[in-house]
Amino acid sequence: MAIESEAISTAYQGYLNIVASQLGISIETIALIITIIGIWALVWKGLALWKSSQKKQIYWFIALLVVNSMGILEILYIFIFSKLGKKSAKIEEKPVKKDKKK
């Protein structure tokens, strides 16, 4: 298992070296960019999932959970799609009238 993990790590590092040399930046910079993008996507995904669950929109919840779009779908949902459609209506409670029949 450790040998497989080491091989994957070596292959991944080789890929990063190629990308870094083509872009003219260091591997550390690439790692920082990937970390920032990951945090960015995680924040938006969390907000969108929370909002869709509060609105009981199960299909949006599943789509947002499964599709990884680096925050783009989540941002669109929060600012556009969550405001479309049926708005949750508040149910007004009416006082119960008691008939006093004898």
N, C-alpha and C. Protein backbone atom coordinates (compact mmCIF):
# COMPACT_ATOMS: atom_id res chain seq x y z
N MET A 1 0.82 -1.19 0.00
CA MET A 1 0.00 0.00 0.00
C MET A 1 0.87 1.25 0.00
N ALA A 2 1.93 1.25 0.78
CA ALA A 2 2.82 2.41 0.85
C ALA A 2 3.54 2.62 -0.47
N ILE A 3 3.85 1.53 -1.17
CA ILE A 3 4.53 1.64 -2.46
C ILE A 3 3.60 2.28 -3.49
N GLU A 4 2.30 1.89 -3.49
CA GLU A 4 1.33 2.48 -4.41
C GLU A 4 1.16 3.97 -4.11
N SER A 5 1.05 4.31 -2.85
CA SER A 5 0.88 5.70 -2.45
C SER A 5 2.09 6.53 -2.86
N GLU A 6 3.26 5.96 -2.72
CA GLU A 6 4.49 6.67 -3.10
C GLU A 6 4.55 6.86 -4.61
N ALA A 7 4.11 5.87 -5.37
CA ALA A 7 4.10 5.97 -6.83
C ALA A 7 3.13 7.04 -7.29
N ILE A 8 1.97 7.10 -6.66
CA ILE A 8 0.99 8.12 -7.01
C ILE A 8 1.52 9.50 -6.66
N SER A 9 2.14 9.62 -5.50
CA SER A 9 2.71 10.89 -5.08
C SER A 9 3.81 11.35 -6.04
N THR A 10 4.64 10.43 -6.46
CA THR A 10 5.72 10.76 -7.40
C THR A 10 5.16 11.18 -8.75
N ALA A 11 4.13 10.47 -9.23
CA ALA A 11 3.50 10.81 -10.51
C ALA A 11 2.84 12.19 -10.43
N TYR A 12 2.16 12.46 -9.31
CA TYR A 12 1.50 13.74 -9.12
C TYR A 12 2.52 14.88 -9.07
N GLN A 13 3.62 14.65 -8.38
CA GLN A 13 4.66 15.67 -8.28
C GLN A 13 5.30 15.91 -9.64
N GLY A 14 5.48 14.84 -10.43
CA GLY A 14 6.01 14.99 -11.78
C GLY A 14 5.09 15.83 -12.65
N TYR A 15 3.79 15.59 -12.51
CA TYR A 15 2.80 16.37 -13.26
C TYR A 15 2.86 17.84 -12.84
N LEU A 16 2.94 18.09 -11.54
CA LEU A 16 3.04 19.47 -11.05
C LEU A 16 4.31 20.16 -11.56
N ASN A 17 5.40 19.42 -11.63
CA ASN A 17 6.64 19.99 -12.16
C ASN A 17 6.47 20.42 -13.61
N ILE A 18 5.81 19.60 -14.41
CA ILE A 18 5.57 19.94 -15.82
C ILE A 18 4.70 21.19 -15.92
N VAL A 19 3.61 21.22 -15.17
CA VAL A 19 2.70 22.38 -15.20
C VAL A 19 3.42 23.63 -14.73
N ALA A 20 4.17 23.51 -13.65
CA ALA A 20 4.89 24.66 -13.10
C ALA A 20 5.91 25.20 -14.10
N SER A 21 6.63 24.31 -14.76
CA SER A 21 7.64 24.78 -15.72
C SER A 21 6.98 25.43 -16.93
N GLN A 22 5.84 24.91 -17.36
CA GLN A 22 5.15 25.51 -18.50
C GLN A 22 4.57 26.88 -18.16
N LEU A 23 4.11 27.04 -16.94
CA LEU A 23 3.55 28.33 -16.52
C LEU A 23 4.61 29.30 -16.02
N GLY A 24 5.78 28.79 -15.73
CA GLY A 24 6.85 29.64 -15.24
C GLY A 24 6.69 30.06 -13.79
N ILE A 25 6.04 29.21 -13.00
CA ILE A 25 5.86 29.50 -11.58
C ILE A 25 6.33 28.29 -10.77
N SER A 26 6.46 28.46 -9.47
CA SER A 26 6.94 27.38 -8.62
C SER A 26 5.81 26.43 -8.23
N ILE A 27 6.21 25.25 -7.76
CA ILE A 27 5.22 24.27 -7.30
C ILE A 27 4.48 24.80 -6.08
N GLU A 28 5.18 25.54 -5.24
CA GLU A 28 4.54 26.12 -4.05
C GLU A 28 3.42 27.08 -4.44
N THR A 29 3.65 27.85 -5.50
CA THR A 29 2.62 28.78 -5.98
C THR A 29 1.41 28.01 -6.50
N ILE A 30 1.65 26.93 -7.22
CA ILE A 30 0.55 26.10 -7.71
C ILE A 30 -0.22 25.51 -6.54
N ALA A 31 0.48 25.03 -5.54
CA ALA A 31 -0.17 24.46 -4.36
C ALA A 31 -1.02 25.52 -3.65
N LEU A 32 -0.52 26.74 -3.57
CA LEU A 32 -1.27 27.83 -2.96
C LEU A 32 -2.53 28.15 -3.76
N ILE A 33 -2.41 28.18 -5.07
CA ILE A 33 -3.56 28.46 -5.94
C ILE A 33 -4.62 27.37 -5.79
N ILE A 34 -4.19 26.11 -5.78
CA ILE A 34 -5.12 25.00 -5.62
C ILE A 34 -5.82 25.07 -4.25
N THR A 35 -5.08 25.42 -3.22
CA THR A 35 -5.66 25.56 -1.88
C THR A 35 -6.69 26.68 -1.84
N ILE A 36 -6.38 27.81 -2.43
CA ILE A 36 -7.31 28.95 -2.45
C ILE A 36 -8.58 28.59 -3.21
N ILE A 37 -8.43 27.93 -4.36
CA ILE A 37 -9.60 27.51 -5.14
C ILE A 37 -10.44 26.51 -4.35
N GLY A 38 -9.79 25.60 -3.65
CA GLY A 38 -10.51 24.62 -2.84
C GLY A 38 -11.32 25.27 -1.73
N ILE A 39 -10.72 26.21 -1.04
CA ILE A 39 -11.42 26.92 0.04
C ILE A 39 -12.57 27.74 -0.52
N TRP A 40 -12.32 28.43 -1.64
CA TRP A 40 -13.35 29.23 -2.32
C TRP A 40 -14.56 28.35 -2.65
N ALA A 41 -14.33 27.20 -3.28
CA ALA A 41 -15.41 26.30 -3.68
C ALA A 41 -16.14 25.73 -2.47
N LEU A 42 -15.40 25.40 -1.42
CA LEU A 42 -16.00 24.83 -0.22
C LEU A 42 -16.94 25.82 0.47
N VAL A 43 -16.54 27.08 0.54
CA VAL A 43 -17.39 28.11 1.17
C VAL A 43 -18.69 28.28 0.40
N TRP A 44 -18.60 28.43 -0.93
CA TRP A 44 -19.80 28.62 -1.73
C TRP A 44 -20.69 27.38 -1.72
N LYS A 45 -20.08 26.20 -1.77
CA LYS A 45 -20.86 24.96 -1.74
C LYS A 45 -21.61 24.85 -0.41
N GLY A 46 -20.95 25.16 0.69
CA GLY A 46 -21.61 25.11 1.99
C GLY A 46 -22.78 26.07 2.08
N LEU A 47 -22.59 27.29 1.60
CA LEU A 47 -23.69 28.27 1.63
C LEU A 47 -24.86 27.84 0.76
N ALA A 48 -24.57 27.34 -0.44
CA ALA A 48 -25.63 26.93 -1.35
C ALA A 48 -26.37 25.70 -0.83
N LEU A 49 -25.64 24.74 -0.27
CA LEU A 49 -26.29 23.56 0.29
C LEU A 49 -27.17 23.93 1.48
N TRP A 50 -26.69 24.83 2.31
CA TRP A 50 -27.49 25.28 3.46
C TRP A 50 -28.77 25.95 2.99
N LYS A 51 -28.64 26.84 1.99
CA LYS A 51 -29.81 27.56 1.50
C LYS A 51 -30.81 26.61 0.84
N SER A 52 -30.33 25.67 0.03
CA SER A 52 -31.25 24.73 -0.62
C SER A 52 -31.93 23.82 0.39
N SER A 53 -31.23 23.46 1.45
CA SER A 53 -31.87 22.62 2.47
C SER A 53 -32.91 23.39 3.26
N GLN A 54 -32.66 24.66 3.52
CA GLN A 54 -33.64 25.49 4.23
C GLN A 54 -34.91 25.68 3.42
N LYS A 55 -34.76 25.72 2.08
CA LYS A 55 -35.92 25.89 1.20
C LYS A 55 -36.54 24.55 0.81
N LYS A 56 -35.98 23.44 1.34
CA LYS A 56 -36.45 22.09 1.06
C LYS A 56 -36.46 21.79 -0.44
N GLN A 57 -35.39 22.19 -1.12
CA GLN A 57 -35.25 21.94 -2.56
C GLN A 57 -34.27 20.78 -2.75
N ILE A 58 -34.82 19.56 -2.69
CA ILE A 58 -34.00 18.35 -2.68
C ILE A 58 -33.22 18.19 -3.99
N TYR A 59 -33.82 18.53 -5.13
CA TYR A 59 -33.12 18.36 -6.40
C TYR A 59 -31.92 19.30 -6.52
N TRP A 60 -32.09 20.52 -6.06
CA TRP A 60 -30.96 21.46 -6.06
C TRP A 60 -29.89 20.98 -5.09
N PHE A 61 -30.31 20.49 -3.94
CA PHE A 61 -29.36 20.00 -2.94
C PHE A 61 -28.48 18.90 -3.54
N ILE A 62 -29.12 17.92 -4.21
CA ILE A 62 -28.37 16.81 -4.80
C ILE A 62 -27.45 17.31 -5.90
N ALA A 63 -27.96 18.20 -6.77
CA ALA A 63 -27.13 18.72 -7.86
C ALA A 63 -25.93 19.48 -7.32
N LEU A 64 -26.13 20.31 -6.33
CA LEU A 64 -25.04 21.09 -5.74
C LEU A 64 -24.04 20.19 -5.03
N LEU A 65 -24.52 19.12 -4.45
CA LEU A 65 -23.64 18.19 -3.74
C LEU A 65 -22.77 17.40 -4.71
N VAL A 66 -23.34 17.00 -5.85
CA VAL A 66 -22.65 16.11 -6.78
C VAL A 66 -21.77 16.87 -7.77
N VAL A 67 -22.27 17.99 -8.29
CA VAL A 67 -21.55 18.72 -9.34
C VAL A 67 -20.47 19.59 -8.71
N ASN A 68 -19.25 19.45 -9.19
CA ASN A 68 -18.14 20.27 -8.71
C ASN A 68 -17.82 21.31 -9.78
N SER A 69 -18.18 22.56 -9.52
CA SER A 69 -17.99 23.62 -10.50
C SER A 69 -17.14 24.77 -9.97
N MET A 70 -16.33 24.52 -8.96
CA MET A 70 -15.47 25.52 -8.34
C MET A 70 -16.27 26.74 -7.86
N GLY A 71 -17.49 26.52 -7.44
CA GLY A 71 -18.29 27.59 -6.87
C GLY A 71 -19.20 28.30 -7.85
N ILE A 72 -19.07 28.04 -9.14
CA ILE A 72 -19.87 28.78 -10.13
C ILE A 72 -21.35 28.43 -10.02
N LEU A 73 -21.69 27.13 -10.03
CA LEU A 73 -23.09 26.72 -9.90
C LEU A 73 -23.67 27.17 -8.57
N GLU A 74 -22.88 27.10 -7.53
CA GLU A 74 -23.34 27.50 -6.20
C GLU A 74 -23.68 28.99 -6.15
N ILE A 75 -22.82 29.81 -6.75
CA ILE A 75 -23.06 31.26 -6.79
C ILE A 75 -24.32 31.56 -7.60
N LEU A 76 -24.47 30.90 -8.75
CA LEU A 76 -25.67 31.10 -9.56
C LEU A 76 -26.92 30.70 -8.79
N TYR A 77 -26.86 29.59 -8.07
CA TYR A 77 -28.01 29.16 -7.28
C TYR A 77 -28.36 30.20 -6.22
N ILE A 78 -27.36 30.64 -5.47
CA ILE A 78 -27.63 31.57 -4.37
C ILE A 78 -28.24 32.88 -4.86
N PHE A 79 -27.68 33.44 -5.93
CA PHE A 79 -28.11 34.78 -6.35
C PHE A 79 -29.19 34.79 -7.42
N ILE A 80 -29.42 33.67 -8.11
CA ILE A 80 -30.42 33.67 -9.18
C ILE A 80 -31.51 32.63 -8.94
N PHE A 81 -31.14 31.35 -8.94
CA PHE A 81 -32.13 30.29 -8.94
C PHE A 81 -32.90 30.17 -7.64
N SER A 82 -32.31 30.49 -6.51
CA SER A 82 -33.03 30.36 -5.24
C SER A 82 -34.11 31.43 -5.11
N LYS A 83 -34.02 32.48 -5.90
CA LYS A 83 -35.01 33.55 -5.83
C LYS A 83 -36.15 33.36 -6.83
N LEU A 84 -36.00 32.41 -7.76
CA LEU A 84 -37.03 32.12 -8.73
C LEU A 84 -38.02 31.12 -8.16
N GLY A 85 -39.17 31.03 -8.80
CA GLY A 85 -40.12 29.99 -8.41
C GLY A 85 -40.98 30.40 -7.24
N LYS A 86 -41.53 29.39 -6.62
CA LYS A 86 -42.45 29.63 -5.50
C LYS A 86 -41.71 30.18 -4.31
N LYS A 87 -42.27 31.21 -3.77
CA LYS A 87 -41.72 31.75 -2.53
C LYS A 87 -42.49 31.12 -1.39
N SER A 88 -41.78 30.82 -0.35
CA SER A 88 -42.44 30.16 0.77
C SER A 88 -43.42 31.11 1.43
N ALA A 89 -44.65 30.68 1.45
CA ALA A 89 -45.70 31.50 2.05
C ALA A 89 -45.83 31.14 3.52
N LYS A 90 -46.01 32.13 4.31
CA LYS A 90 -46.19 31.89 5.74
C LYS A 90 -47.64 31.48 5.98
N ILE A 91 -47.81 30.47 6.75
CA ILE A 91 -49.14 29.99 7.06
C ILE A 91 -49.64 30.77 8.27
N GLU A 92 -50.75 31.43 8.03
CA GLU A 92 -51.33 32.21 9.12
C GLU A 92 -52.27 31.33 9.92
N GLU A 93 -52.07 31.34 11.18
CA GLU A 93 -52.92 30.55 12.04
C GLU A 93 -54.15 31.38 12.39
N LYS A 94 -55.30 30.75 12.15
CA LYS A 94 -56.56 31.42 12.48
C LYS A 94 -57.02 30.92 13.84
N PRO A 95 -57.57 31.81 14.60
CA PRO A 95 -58.05 31.36 15.91
C PRO A 95 -59.21 30.36 15.74
N VAL A 96 -59.21 29.37 16.57
CA VAL A 96 -60.26 28.35 16.52
C VAL A 96 -61.48 28.89 17.25
N LYS A 97 -62.61 28.85 16.52
CA LYS A 97 -63.86 29.29 17.13
C LYS A 97 -64.52 28.11 17.78
N LYS A 98 -64.89 28.28 19.00
CA LYS A 98 -65.56 27.22 19.73
C LYS A 98 -67.03 27.50 19.76
N ASP A 99 -67.75 26.53 19.27
CA ASP A 99 -69.22 26.65 19.32
C ASP A 99 -69.70 26.11 20.66
N LYS A 100 -70.45 26.93 21.33
CA LYS A 100 -70.94 26.50 22.64
C LYS A 100 -72.40 26.11 22.47
N LYS A 101 -72.56 24.88 22.05
CA LYS A 101 -73.92 24.34 21.90
C LYS A 101 -74.22 23.44 23.08
N LYS A 102 -75.41 23.60 23.59
CA LYS A 102 -75.82 22.80 24.74
C LYS A 102 -76.87 21.83 24.35
